Amino acid sequence: MDTQTTKTELHAKMCTPCRSGGQPLAEPELSRCYAQLSEGWQILEGRRLEKTFTFKNFKQALDFTNQVGQLAERQQHHPDIYLSWGKVVIQLWTHKIGGLHENDFILAAGIDRLSQP
């Protein structure tokens, strides 16, 4: 399966509710999901995704932040968003399980699509 097809499939999924006490993704599923994201995403401490997006000015960064917020509401999965002049930092993890769930990668793939020209 080529990478573009994989990205489309991940983006096409909807986040599903997860339960407290569930287990975070482990290898090889973690690597499979991570490989489907665009460049720039990092896995921090083995339990969070983070990516910094840069923009020409505050308005563009704010507009992007609002688009991410709308997507998060549709997916019912909400990232931590840090907005500053010309920059937006997105952090994703599933608080209920204290780590990464497929939902985090689904939302990250959707955010990638928002950032494409």
PDB file of N, CA and C in Angstrom:
ATOM      1  N   MET A   1       0.846  -1.172   0.000  1.00  0.00           N
ATOM      2  CA  MET A   1       0.000   0.000   0.000  1.00  0.00           C
ATOM      3  C   MET A   1       0.891   1.235   0.000  1.00  0.00           C
ATOM      4  N   ASP A   2       0.619   2.217  -0.901  1.00  0.00           N
ATOM      5  CA  ASP A   2       1.474   3.398  -0.923  1.00  0.00           C
ATOM      6  C   ASP A   2       1.095   4.367   0.190  1.00  0.00           C
ATOM      7  N   THR A   3       2.022   5.295   0.494  1.00  0.00           N
ATOM      8  CA  THR A   3       1.839   6.209   1.623  1.00  0.00           C
ATOM      9  C   THR A   3       0.640   7.122   1.422  1.00  0.00           C
ATOM     10  N   GLN A   4       0.411   7.613   0.193  1.00  0.00           N
ATOM     11  CA  GLN A   4      -0.710   8.520  -0.046  1.00  0.00           C
ATOM     12  C   GLN A   4      -2.038   7.818   0.235  1.00  0.00           C
ATOM     13  N   THR A   5      -2.188   6.590  -0.185  1.00  0.00           N
ATOM     14  CA  THR A   5      -3.416   5.843   0.094  1.00  0.00           C
ATOM     15  C   THR A   5      -3.596   5.683   1.595  1.00  0.00           C
ATOM     16  N   THR A   6      -2.532   5.368   2.301  1.00  0.00           N
ATOM     17  CA  THR A   6      -2.605   5.175   3.742  1.00  0.00           C
ATOM     18  C   THR A   6      -3.042   6.458   4.432  1.00  0.00           C
ATOM     19  N   LYS A   7      -2.488   7.608   4.021  1.00  0.00           N
ATOM     20  CA  LYS A   7      -2.878   8.878   4.623  1.00  0.00           C
ATOM     21  C   LYS A   7      -4.360   9.132   4.423  1.00  0.00           C
ATOM     22  N   THR A   8      -4.861   8.870   3.215  1.00  0.00           N
ATOM     23  CA  THR A   8      -6.270   9.093   2.929  1.00  0.00           C
ATOM     24  C   THR A   8      -7.134   8.206   3.813  1.00  0.00           C
ATOM     25  N   GLU A   9      -6.749   6.960   3.985  1.00  0.00           N
ATOM     26  CA  GLU A   9      -7.538   6.063   4.812  1.00  0.00           C
ATOM     27  C   GLU A   9      -7.584   6.532   6.258  1.00  0.00           C
ATOM     28  N   LEU A  10      -6.450   6.945   6.813  1.00  0.00           N
ATOM     29  CA  LEU A  10      -6.416   7.428   8.189  1.00  0.00           C
ATOM     30  C   LEU A  10      -7.258   8.692   8.322  1.00  0.00           C
ATOM     31  N   HIS A  11      -7.134   9.597   7.366  1.00  0.00           N
ATOM     32  CA  HIS A  11      -7.901  10.841   7.408  1.00  0.00           C
ATOM     33  C   HIS A  11      -9.407  10.575   7.312  1.00  0.00           C
ATOM     34  N   ALA A  12      -9.780   9.534   6.604  1.00  0.00           N
ATOM     35  CA  ALA A  12     -11.199   9.238   6.395  1.00  0.00           C
ATOM     36  C   ALA A  12     -11.872   8.655   7.638  1.00  0.00           C
ATOM     37  N   LYS A  13     -11.086   8.215   8.607  1.00  0.00           N
ATOM     38  CA  LYS A  13     -11.658   7.625   9.820  1.00  0.00           C
ATOM     39  C   LYS A  13     -12.187   8.707  10.757  1.00  0.00           C
ATOM     40  N   MET A  14     -13.107   8.304  11.608  1.00  0.00           N
ATOM     41  CA  MET A  14     -13.618   9.172  12.661  1.00  0.00           C
ATOM     42  C   MET A  14     -13.086   8.673  13.999  1.00  0.00           C
ATOM     43  N   CYS A  15     -12.824   9.605  14.893  1.00  0.00           N
ATOM     44  CA  CYS A  15     -12.394   9.226  16.238  1.00  0.00           C
ATOM     45  C   CYS A  15     -13.516   8.462  16.931  1.00  0.00           C
ATOM     46  N   THR A  16     -13.129   7.508  17.756  1.00  0.00           N
ATOM     47  CA  THR A  16     -14.099   6.718  18.500  1.00  0.00           C
ATOM     48  C   THR A  16     -13.871   6.932  19.994  1.00  0.00           C
ATOM     49  N   PRO A  17     -14.927   6.925  20.777  1.00  0.00           N
ATOM     50  CA  PRO A  17     -14.739   7.107  22.226  1.00  0.00           C
ATOM     51  C   PRO A  17     -13.849   6.005  22.796  1.00  0.00           C
ATOM     52  N   CYS A  18     -12.966   6.394  23.688  1.00  0.00           N
ATOM     53  CA  CYS A  18     -12.160   5.375  24.355  1.00  0.00           C
ATOM     54  C   CYS A  18     -12.462   5.433  25.853  1.00  0.00           C
ATOM     55  N   ARG A  19     -12.106   4.375  26.535  1.00  0.00           N
ATOM     56  CA  ARG A  19     -12.442   4.249  27.949  1.00  0.00           C
ATOM     57  C   ARG A  19     -11.210   4.452  28.819  1.00  0.00           C
ATOM     58  N   SER A  20     -11.444   4.958  30.010  1.00  0.00           N
ATOM     59  CA  SER A  20     -10.369   5.014  30.995  1.00  0.00           C
ATOM     60  C   SER A  20      -9.880   3.597  31.242  1.00  0.00           C
ATOM     61  N   GLY A  21      -8.592   3.466  31.455  1.00  0.00           N
ATOM     62  CA  GLY A  21      -8.030   2.155  31.708  1.00  0.00           C
ATOM     63  C   GLY A  21      -7.607   1.425  30.458  1.00  0.00           C
ATOM     64  N   GLY A  22      -7.914   1.992  29.273  1.00  0.00           N
ATOM     65  CA  GLY A  22      -7.461   1.382  28.032  1.00  0.00           C
ATOM     66  C   GLY A  22      -5.949   1.507  27.921  1.00  0.00           C
ATOM     67  N   GLN A  23      -5.395   0.808  26.982  1.00  0.00           N
ATOM     68  CA  GLN A  23      -3.949   0.809  26.798  1.00  0.00           C
ATOM     69  C   GLN A  23      -3.546   1.721  25.635  1.00  0.00           C
ATOM     70  N   PRO A  24      -2.475   2.500  25.815  1.00  0.00           N
ATOM     71  CA  PRO A  24      -1.937   3.283  24.696  1.00  0.00           C
ATOM     72  C   PRO A  24      -1.435   2.362  23.588  1.00  0.00           C
ATOM     73  N   LEU A  25      -1.311   2.916  22.394  1.00  0.00           N
ATOM     74  CA  LEU A  25      -0.768   2.146  21.282  1.00  0.00           C
ATOM     75  C   LEU A  25       0.644   1.673  21.608  1.00  0.00           C
ATOM     76  N   ALA A  26       0.946   0.476  21.182  1.00  0.00           N
ATOM     77  CA  ALA A  26       2.288  -0.092  21.333  1.00  0.00           C
ATOM     78  C   ALA A  26       2.783  -0.473  19.936  1.00  0.00           C
ATOM     79  N   GLU A  27       4.049  -0.796  19.848  1.00  0.00           N
ATOM     80  CA  GLU A  27       4.606  -1.256  18.575  1.00  0.00           C
ATOM     81  C   GLU A  27       3.958  -2.576  18.188  1.00  0.00           C
ATOM     82  N   PRO A  28       3.749  -2.870  16.932  1.00  0.00           N
ATOM     83  CA  PRO A  28       4.111  -2.081  15.764  1.00  0.00           C
ATOM     84  C   PRO A  28       3.040  -1.084  15.345  1.00  0.00           C
ATOM     85  N   GLU A  29       1.885  -1.096  16.016  1.00  0.00           N
ATOM     86  CA  GLU A  29       0.770  -0.211  15.640  1.00  0.00           C
ATOM     87  C   GLU A  29       1.161   1.262  15.759  1.00  0.00           C
ATOM     88  N   LEU A  30       1.935   1.619  16.774  1.00  0.00           N
ATOM     89  CA  LEU A  30       2.371   3.000  16.968  1.00  0.00           C
ATOM     90  C   LEU A  30       3.165   3.476  15.752  1.00  0.00           C
ATOM     91  N   SER A  31       4.116   2.690  15.298  1.00  0.00           N
ATOM     92  CA  SER A  31       4.932   3.064  14.133  1.00  0.00           C
ATOM     93  C   SER A  31       4.103   3.108  12.860  1.00  0.00           C
ATOM     94  N   ARG A  32       3.150   2.179  12.723  1.00  0.00           N
ATOM     95  CA  ARG A  32       2.295   2.160  11.533  1.00  0.00           C
ATOM     96  C   ARG A  32       1.495   3.448  11.433  1.00  0.00           C
ATOM     97  N   CYS A  33       0.910   3.879  12.535  1.00  0.00           N
ATOM     98  CA  CYS A  33       0.124   5.123  12.537  1.00  0.00           C
ATOM     99  C   CYS A  33       1.023   6.339  12.312  1.00  0.00           C
ATOM    100  N   TYR A  34       2.152   6.372  12.987  1.00  0.00           N
ATOM    101  CA  TYR A  34       3.076   7.508  12.883  1.00  0.00           C
ATOM    102  C   TYR A  34       3.566   7.682  11.441  1.00  0.00           C
ATOM    103  N   ALA A  35       3.828   6.590  10.763  1.00  0.00           N
ATOM    104  CA  ALA A  35       4.333   6.636   9.391  1.00  0.00           C
ATOM    105  C   ALA A  35       3.329   7.259   8.429  1.00  0.00           C
ATOM    106  N   GLN A  36       2.066   7.351   8.822  1.00  0.00           N
ATOM    107  CA  GLN A  36       1.035   7.887   7.948  1.00  0.00           C
ATOM    108  C   GLN A  36       0.909   9.408   8.031  1.00  0.00           C
ATOM    109  N   LEU A  37       1.617  10.035   8.959  1.00  0.00           N
ATOM    110  CA  LEU A  37       1.523  11.489   9.129  1.00  0.00           C
ATOM    111  C   LEU A  37       2.545  12.205   8.264  1.00  0.00           C
ATOM    112  N   SER A  38       2.281  13.492   8.007  1.00  0.00           N
ATOM    113  CA  SER A  38       3.238  14.287   7.248  1.00  0.00           C
ATOM    114  C   SER A  38       4.465  14.584   8.109  1.00  0.00           C
ATOM    115  N   GLU A  39       5.502  15.094   7.471  1.00  0.00           N
ATOM    116  CA  GLU A  39       6.726  15.446   8.193  1.00  0.00           C
ATOM    117  C   GLU A  39       6.435  16.514   9.242  1.00  0.00           C
ATOM    118  N   GLY A  40       7.228  16.489  10.287  1.00  0.00           N
ATOM    119  CA  GLY A  40       7.130  17.516  11.307  1.00  0.00           C
ATOM    120  C   GLY A  40       6.511  17.052  12.610  1.00  0.00           C
ATOM    121  N   TRP A  41       5.717  15.995  12.561  1.00  0.00           N
ATOM    122  CA  TRP A  41       5.156  15.450  13.795  1.00  0.00           C
ATOM    123  C   TRP A  41       6.256  14.730  14.557  1.00  0.00           C
ATOM    124  N   GLN A  42       6.259  14.896  15.850  1.00  0.00           N
ATOM    125  CA  GLN A  42       7.213  14.205  16.705  1.00  0.00           C
ATOM    126  C   GLN A  42       6.446  13.449  17.781  1.00  0.00           C
ATOM    127  N   ILE A  43       6.963  12.304  18.161  1.00  0.00           N
ATOM    128  CA  ILE A  43       6.427  11.607  19.325  1.00  0.00           C
ATOM    129  C   ILE A  43       7.324  11.985  20.490  1.00  0.00           C
ATOM    130  N   LEU A  44       6.743  12.627  21.487  1.00  0.00           N
ATOM    131  CA  LEU A  44       7.483  13.096  22.652  1.00  0.00           C
ATOM    132  C   LEU A  44       7.242  12.166  23.831  1.00  0.00           C
ATOM    133  N   GLU A  45       8.311  11.797  24.490  1.00  0.00           N
ATOM    134  CA  GLU A  45       8.245  10.947  25.684  1.00  0.00           C
ATOM    135  C   GLU A  45       7.474   9.652  25.445  1.00  0.00           C
ATOM    136  N   GLY A  46       7.357   9.259  24.177  1.00  0.00           N
ATOM    137  CA  GLY A  46       6.647   8.032  23.846  1.00  0.00           C
ATOM    138  C   GLY A  46       5.153   8.085  24.081  1.00  0.00           C
ATOM    139  N   ARG A  47       4.619   9.293  24.382  1.00  0.00           N
ATOM    140  CA  ARG A  47       3.197   9.333  24.720  1.00  0.00           C
ATOM    141  C   ARG A  47       2.424  10.532  24.200  1.00  0.00           C
ATOM    142  N   ARG A  48       3.094  11.447  23.462  1.00  0.00           N
ATOM    143  CA  ARG A  48       2.410  12.619  22.915  1.00  0.00           C
ATOM    144  C   ARG A  48       2.885  12.875  21.491  1.00  0.00           C
ATOM    145  N   LEU A  49       1.986  13.409  20.678  1.00  0.00           N
ATOM    146  CA  LEU A  49       2.347  13.903  19.358  1.00  0.00           C
ATOM    147  C   LEU A  49       2.433  15.418  19.420  1.00  0.00           C
ATOM    148  N   GLU A  50       3.386  15.989  18.702  1.00  0.00           N
ATOM    149  CA  GLU A  50       3.491  17.444  18.657  1.00  0.00           C
ATOM    150  C   GLU A  50       3.992  17.872  17.287  1.00  0.00           C
ATOM    151  N   LYS A  51       3.442  18.989  16.817  1.00  0.00           N
ATOM    152  CA  LYS A  51       3.900  19.590  15.568  1.00  0.00           C
ATOM    153  C   LYS A  51       3.733  21.095  15.666  1.00  0.00           C
ATOM    154  N   THR A  52       4.714  21.817  15.121  1.00  0.00           N
ATOM    155  CA  THR A  52       4.669  23.270  15.050  1.00  0.00           C
ATOM    156  C   THR A  52       4.377  23.680  13.615  1.00  0.00           C
ATOM    157  N   PHE A  53       3.379  24.519  13.445  1.00  0.00           N
ATOM    158  CA  PHE A  53       3.007  25.068  12.148  1.00  0.00           C
ATOM    159  C   PHE A  53       3.371  26.546  12.147  1.00  0.00           C
ATOM    160  N   THR A  54       3.969  27.038  11.065  1.00  0.00           N
ATOM    161  CA  THR A  54       4.349  28.446  10.996  1.00  0.00           C
ATOM    162  C   THR A  54       3.532  29.164   9.920  1.00  0.00           C
ATOM    163  N   PHE A  55       3.307  30.456  10.175  1.00  0.00           N
ATOM    164  CA  PHE A  55       2.479  31.285   9.308  1.00  0.00           C
ATOM    165  C   PHE A  55       3.125  32.658   9.141  1.00  0.00           C
ATOM    166  N   LYS A  56       2.636  33.419   8.174  1.00  0.00           N
ATOM    167  CA  LYS A  56       3.200  34.746   7.886  1.00  0.00           C
ATOM    168  C   LYS A  56       2.843  35.784   8.939  1.00  0.00           C
ATOM    169  N   ASN A  57       1.739  35.560   9.665  1.00  0.00           N
ATOM    170  CA  ASN A  57       1.311  36.571  10.632  1.00  0.00           C
ATOM    171  C   ASN A  57       0.352  35.948  11.657  1.00  0.00           C
ATOM    172  N   PHE A  58      -0.093  36.756  12.580  1.00  0.00           N
ATOM    173  CA  PHE A  58      -0.979  36.280  13.636  1.00  0.00           C
ATOM    174  C   PHE A  58      -2.336  35.858  13.078  1.00  0.00           C
ATOM    175  N   LYS A  59      -2.881  36.630  12.132  1.00  0.00           N
ATOM    176  CA  LYS A  59      -4.208  36.310  11.600  1.00  0.00           C
ATOM    177  C   LYS A  59      -4.234  34.926  10.955  1.00  0.00           C
ATOM    178  N   GLN A  60      -3.214  34.600  10.155  1.00  0.00           N
ATOM    179  CA  GLN A  60      -3.179  33.282   9.529  1.00  0.00           C
ATOM    180  C   GLN A  60      -3.081  32.175  10.590  1.00  0.00           C
ATOM    181  N   ALA A  61      -2.284  32.417  11.609  1.00  0.00           N
ATOM    182  CA  ALA A  61      -2.158  31.434  12.694  1.00  0.00           C
ATOM    183  C   ALA A  61      -3.492  31.267  13.421  1.00  0.00           C
ATOM    184  N   LEU A  62      -4.177  32.368  13.675  1.00  0.00           N
ATOM    185  CA  LEU A  62      -5.474  32.321  14.348  1.00  0.00           C
ATOM    186  C   LEU A  62      -6.516  31.612  13.484  1.00  0.00           C
ATOM    187  N   ASP A  63      -6.535  31.914  12.190  1.00  0.00           N
ATOM    188  CA  ASP A  63      -7.483  31.245  11.291  1.00  0.00           C
ATOM    189  C   ASP A  63      -7.258  29.732  11.296  1.00  0.00           C
ATOM    190  N   PHE A  64      -5.995  29.310  11.246  1.00  0.00           N
ATOM    191  CA  PHE A  64      -5.668  27.888  11.296  1.00  0.00           C
ATOM    192  C   PHE A  64      -6.131  27.283  12.625  1.00  0.00           C
ATOM    193  N   THR A  65      -5.883  27.991  13.717  1.00  0.00           N
ATOM    194  CA  THR A  65      -6.310  27.517  15.040  1.00  0.00           C
ATOM    195  C   THR A  65      -7.817  27.296  15.068  1.00  0.00           C
ATOM    196  N   ASN A  66      -8.567  28.212  14.501  1.00  0.00           N
ATOM    197  CA  ASN A  66     -10.028  28.068  14.459  1.00  0.00           C
ATOM    198  C   ASN A  66     -10.452  26.874  13.606  1.00  0.00           C
ATOM    199  N   GLN A  67      -9.756  26.628  12.498  1.00  0.00           N
ATOM    200  CA  GLN A  67     -10.060  25.461  11.667  1.00  0.00           C
ATOM    201  C   GLN A  67      -9.777  24.166  12.435  1.00  0.00           C
ATOM    202  N   VAL A  68      -8.661  24.140  13.168  1.00  0.00           N
ATOM    203  CA  VAL A  68      -8.341  22.963  13.981  1.00  0.00           C
ATOM    204  C   VAL A  68      -9.427  22.758  15.037  1.00  0.00           C
ATOM    205  N   GLY A  69      -9.883  23.845  15.650  1.00  0.00           N
ATOM    206  CA  GLY A  69     -10.944  23.755  16.648  1.00  0.00           C
ATOM    207  C   GLY A  69     -12.228  23.172  16.085  1.00  0.00           C
ATOM    208  N   GLN A  70     -12.593  23.593  14.882  1.00  0.00           N
ATOM    209  CA  GLN A  70     -13.798  23.062  14.247  1.00  0.00           C
ATOM    210  C   GLN A  70     -13.649  21.575  13.936  1.00  0.00           C
ATOM    211  N   LEU A  71     -12.485  21.179  13.443  1.00  0.00           N
ATOM    212  CA  LEU A  71     -12.229  19.768  13.178  1.00  0.00           C
ATOM    213  C   LEU A  71     -12.282  18.962  14.472  1.00  0.00           C
ATOM    214  N   ALA A  72     -11.674  19.478  15.523  1.00  0.00           N
ATOM    215  CA  ALA A  72     -11.667  18.779  16.818  1.00  0.00           C
ATOM    216  C   ALA A  72     -13.091  18.583  17.338  1.00  0.00           C
ATOM    217  N   GLU A  73     -13.939  19.576  17.164  1.00  0.00           N
ATOM    218  CA  GLU A  73     -15.331  19.445  17.594  1.00  0.00           C
ATOM    219  C   GLU A  73     -16.053  18.367  16.800  1.00  0.00           C
ATOM    220  N   ARG A  74     -15.820  18.333  15.481  1.00  0.00           N
ATOM    221  CA  ARG A  74     -16.454  17.291  14.657  1.00  0.00           C
ATOM    222  C   ARG A  74     -15.979  15.906  15.079  1.00  0.00           C
ATOM    223  N   GLN A  75     -14.701  15.790  15.419  1.00  0.00           N
ATOM    224  CA  GLN A  75     -14.130  14.497  15.803  1.00  0.00           C
ATOM    225  C   GLN A  75     -14.365  14.177  17.282  1.00  0.00           C
ATOM    226  N   GLN A  76     -14.769  15.185  18.065  1.00  0.00           N
ATOM    227  CA  GLN A  76     -14.925  15.022  19.512  1.00  0.00           C
ATOM    228  C   GLN A  76     -13.635  14.498  20.151  1.00  0.00           C
ATOM    229  N   HIS A  77     -12.522  15.068  19.680  1.00  0.00           N
ATOM    230  CA  HIS A  77     -11.197  14.747  20.209  1.00  0.00           C
ATOM    231  C   HIS A  77     -10.398  16.041  20.164  1.00  0.00           C
ATOM    232  N   HIS A  78      -9.970  16.522  21.303  1.00  0.00           N
ATOM    233  CA  HIS A  78      -9.489  17.895  21.398  1.00  0.00           C
ATOM    234  C   HIS A  78      -8.006  17.980  21.747  1.00  0.00           C
ATOM    235  N   PRO A  79      -7.235  18.690  20.906  1.00  0.00           N
ATOM    236  CA  PRO A  79      -5.809  18.841  21.150  1.00  0.00           C
ATOM    237  C   PRO A  79      -5.533  19.992  22.107  1.00  0.00           C
ATOM    238  N   ASP A  80      -4.305  20.042  22.589  1.00  0.00           N
ATOM    239  CA  ASP A  80      -3.812  21.250  23.239  1.00  0.00           C
ATOM    240  C   ASP A  80      -3.255  22.114  22.122  1.00  0.00           C
ATOM    241  N   ILE A  81      -3.651  23.374  22.098  1.00  0.00           N
ATOM    242  CA  ILE A  81      -3.240  24.292  21.030  1.00  0.00           C
ATOM    243  C   ILE A  81      -2.571  25.504  21.664  1.00  0.00           C
ATOM    244  N   TYR A  82      -1.359  25.804  21.183  1.00  0.00           N
ATOM    245  CA  TYR A  82      -0.615  26.968  21.654  1.00  0.00           C
ATOM    246  C   TYR A  82      -0.464  27.916  20.474  1.00  0.00           C
ATOM    247  N   LEU A  83      -1.066  29.095  20.577  1.00  0.00           N
ATOM    248  CA  LEU A  83      -1.087  30.080  19.504  1.00  0.00           C
ATOM    249  C   LEU A  83      -0.196  31.252  19.878  1.00  0.00           C
ATOM    250  N   SER A  84       0.670  31.641  18.961  1.00  0.00           N
ATOM    251  CA  SER A  84       1.459  32.864  19.135  1.00  0.00           C
ATOM    252  C   SER A  84       1.612  33.502  17.759  1.00  0.00           C
ATOM    253  N   TRP A  85       2.297  34.627  17.688  1.00  0.00           N
ATOM    254  CA  TRP A  85       2.438  35.349  16.434  1.00  0.00           C
ATOM    255  C   TRP A  85       3.127  34.449  15.405  1.00  0.00           C
ATOM    256  N   GLY A  86       2.392  34.090  14.350  1.00  0.00           N
ATOM    257  CA  GLY A  86       2.953  33.321  13.253  1.00  0.00           C
ATOM    258  C   GLY A  86       3.252  31.863  13.557  1.00  0.00           C
ATOM    259  N   LYS A  87       2.740  31.361  14.667  1.00  0.00           N
ATOM    260  CA  LYS A  87       3.064  29.984  15.040  1.00  0.00           C
ATOM    261  C   LYS A  87       1.910  29.351  15.810  1.00  0.00           C
ATOM    262  N   VAL A  88       1.658  28.068  15.512  1.00  0.00           N
ATOM    263  CA  VAL A  88       0.688  27.268  16.238  1.00  0.00           C
ATOM    264  C   VAL A  88       1.356  25.930  16.558  1.00  0.00           C
ATOM    265  N   VAL A  89       1.346  25.564  17.831  1.00  0.00           N
ATOM    266  CA  VAL A  89       1.877  24.279  18.252  1.00  0.00           C
ATOM    267  C   VAL A  89       0.693  23.416  18.681  1.00  0.00           C
ATOM    268  N   ILE A  90       0.611  22.231  18.093  1.00  0.00           N
ATOM    269  CA  ILE A  90      -0.462  21.281  18.398  1.00  0.00           C
ATOM    270  C   ILE A  90       0.142  20.118  19.178  1.00  0.00           C
ATOM    271  N   GLN A  91      -0.482  19.769  20.289  1.00  0.00           N
ATOM    272  CA  GLN A  91      -0.105  18.575  21.042  1.00  0.00           C
ATOM    273  C   GLN A  91      -1.330  17.673  21.157  1.00  0.00           C
ATOM    274  N   LEU A  92      -1.101  16.407  20.910  1.00  0.00           N
ATOM    275  CA  LEU A  92      -2.174  15.412  20.964  1.00  0.00           C
ATOM    276  C   LEU A  92      -1.756  14.233  21.825  1.00  0.00           C
ATOM    277  N   TRP A  93      -2.655  13.809  22.661  1.00  0.00           N
ATOM    278  CA  TRP A  93      -2.567  12.529  23.362  1.00  0.00           C
ATOM    279  C   TRP A  93      -3.918  12.289  23.978  1.00  0.00           C
ATOM    280  N   THR A  94      -4.172  11.064  24.334  1.00  0.00           N
ATOM    281  CA  THR A  94      -5.459  10.710  24.903  1.00  0.00           C
ATOM    282  C   THR A  94      -5.305  10.666  26.417  1.00  0.00           C
ATOM    283  N   HIS A  95      -5.865  11.672  27.059  1.00  0.00           N
ATOM    284  CA  HIS A  95      -5.705  11.831  28.501  1.00  0.00           C
ATOM    285  C   HIS A  95      -6.223  10.633  29.287  1.00  0.00           C
ATOM    286  N   LYS A  96      -7.335  10.044  28.818  1.00  0.00           N
ATOM    287  CA  LYS A  96      -7.941   8.916  29.544  1.00  0.00           C
ATOM    288  C   LYS A  96      -7.009   7.724  29.680  1.00  0.00           C
ATOM    289  N   ILE A  97      -6.108   7.569  28.710  1.00  0.00           N
ATOM    290  CA  ILE A  97      -5.199   6.421  28.759  1.00  0.00           C
ATOM    291  C   ILE A  97      -3.750   6.839  29.009  1.00  0.00           C
ATOM    292  N   GLY A  98      -3.512   8.131  29.111  1.00  0.00           N
ATOM    293  CA  GLY A  98      -2.168   8.621  29.407  1.00  0.00           C
ATOM    294  C   GLY A  98      -1.160   8.350  28.305  1.00  0.00           C
ATOM    295  N   GLY A  99      -1.630   8.331  27.070  1.00  0.00           N
ATOM    296  CA  GLY A  99      -0.724   8.059  25.958  1.00  0.00           C
ATOM    297  C   GLY A  99      -1.423   8.215  24.628  1.00  0.00           C
ATOM    298  N   LEU A 100      -0.849   7.605  23.620  1.00  0.00           N
ATOM    299  CA  LEU A 100      -1.353   7.760  22.261  1.00  0.00           C
ATOM    300  C   LEU A 100      -2.339   6.652  21.887  1.00  0.00           C
ATOM    301  N   HIS A 101      -3.421   7.082  21.262  1.00  0.00           N
ATOM    302  CA  HIS A 101      -4.493   6.220  20.770  1.00  0.00           C
ATOM    303  C   HIS A 101      -4.608   6.491  19.269  1.00  0.00           C
ATOM    304  N   GLU A 102      -5.224   5.591  18.537  1.00  0.00           N
ATOM    305  CA  GLU A 102      -5.420   5.830  17.107  1.00  0.00           C
ATOM    306  C   GLU A 102      -6.125   7.165  16.866  1.00  0.00           C
ATOM    307  N   ASN A 103      -7.008   7.591  17.769  1.00  0.00           N
ATOM    308  CA  ASN A 103      -7.702   8.879  17.622  1.00  0.00           C
ATOM    309  C   ASN A 103      -6.726  10.039  17.453  1.00  0.00           C
ATOM    310  N   ASP A 104      -5.614  10.000  18.162  1.00  0.00           N
ATOM    311  CA  ASP A 104      -4.634  11.077  18.063  1.00  0.00           C
ATOM    312  C   ASP A 104      -4.069  11.167  16.646  1.00  0.00           C
ATOM    313  N   PHE A 105      -3.843  10.026  16.033  1.00  0.00           N
ATOM    314  CA  PHE A 105      -3.307   9.996  14.679  1.00  0.00           C
ATOM    315  C   PHE A 105      -4.368  10.364  13.647  1.00  0.00           C
ATOM    316  N   ILE A 106      -5.608   9.985  13.900  1.00  0.00           N
ATOM    317  CA  ILE A 106      -6.712  10.385  13.014  1.00  0.00           C
ATOM    318  C   ILE A 106      -6.834  11.902  13.005  1.00  0.00           C
ATOM    319  N   LEU A 107      -6.813  12.521  14.187  1.00  0.00           N
ATOM    320  CA  LEU A 107      -6.917  13.976  14.244  1.00  0.00           C
ATOM    321  C   LEU A 107      -5.681  14.626  13.636  1.00  0.00           C
ATOM    322  N   ALA A 108      -4.499  14.092  13.891  1.00  0.00           N
ATOM    323  CA  ALA A 108      -3.276  14.652  13.308  1.00  0.00           C
ATOM    324  C   ALA A 108      -3.337  14.614  11.781  1.00  0.00           C
ATOM    325  N   ALA A 109      -3.846  13.519  11.213  1.00  0.00           N
ATOM    326  CA  ALA A 109      -3.973  13.418   9.759  1.00  0.00           C
ATOM    327  C   ALA A 109      -4.951  14.468   9.227  1.00  0.00           C
ATOM    328  N   GLY A 110      -6.027  14.706   9.958  1.00  0.00           N
ATOM    329  CA  GLY A 110      -6.967  15.759   9.570  1.00  0.00           C
ATOM    330  C   GLY A 110      -6.343  17.144   9.637  1.00  0.00           C
ATOM    331  N   ILE A 111      -5.548  17.383  10.663  1.00  0.00           N
ATOM    332  CA  ILE A 111      -4.859  18.664  10.808  1.00  0.00           C
ATOM    333  C   ILE A 111      -3.860  18.841   9.667  1.00  0.00           C
ATOM    334  N   ASP A 112      -3.171  17.763   9.289  1.00  0.00           N
ATOM    335  CA  ASP A 112      -2.257  17.833   8.143  1.00  0.00           C
ATOM    336  C   ASP A 112      -2.999  18.326   6.905  1.00  0.00           C
ATOM    337  N   ARG A 113      -4.183  17.806   6.686  1.00  0.00           N
ATOM    338  CA  ARG A 113      -4.955  18.221   5.501  1.00  0.00           C
ATOM    339  C   ARG A 113      -5.350  19.688   5.569  1.00  0.00           C
ATOM    340  N   LEU A 114      -5.641  20.195   6.769  1.00  0.00           N
ATOM    341  CA  LEU A 114      -5.978  21.612   6.909  1.00  0.00           C
ATOM    342  C   LEU A 114      -4.801  22.508   6.552  1.00  0.00           C
ATOM    343  N   SER A 115      -3.592  22.036   6.815  1.00  0.00           N
ATOM    344  CA  SER A 115      -2.404  22.873   6.617  1.00  0.00           C
ATOM    345  C   SER A 115      -1.897  22.834   5.185  1.00  0.00           C
ATOM    346  N   GLN A 116      -2.488  22.008   4.333  1.00  0.00           N
ATOM    347  CA  GLN A 116      -2.045  21.936   2.930  1.00  0.00           C
ATOM    348  C   GLN A 116      -2.596  23.117   2.154  1.00  0.00           C
ATOM    349  N   PRO A 117      -1.776  23.683   1.253  1.00  0.00           N
ATOM    350  CA  PRO A 117      -2.235  24.828   0.441  1.00  0.00           C
ATOM    351  C   PRO A 117      -3.343  24.477  -0.514  1.00  0.00           C
TER     352      PRO A 117
END
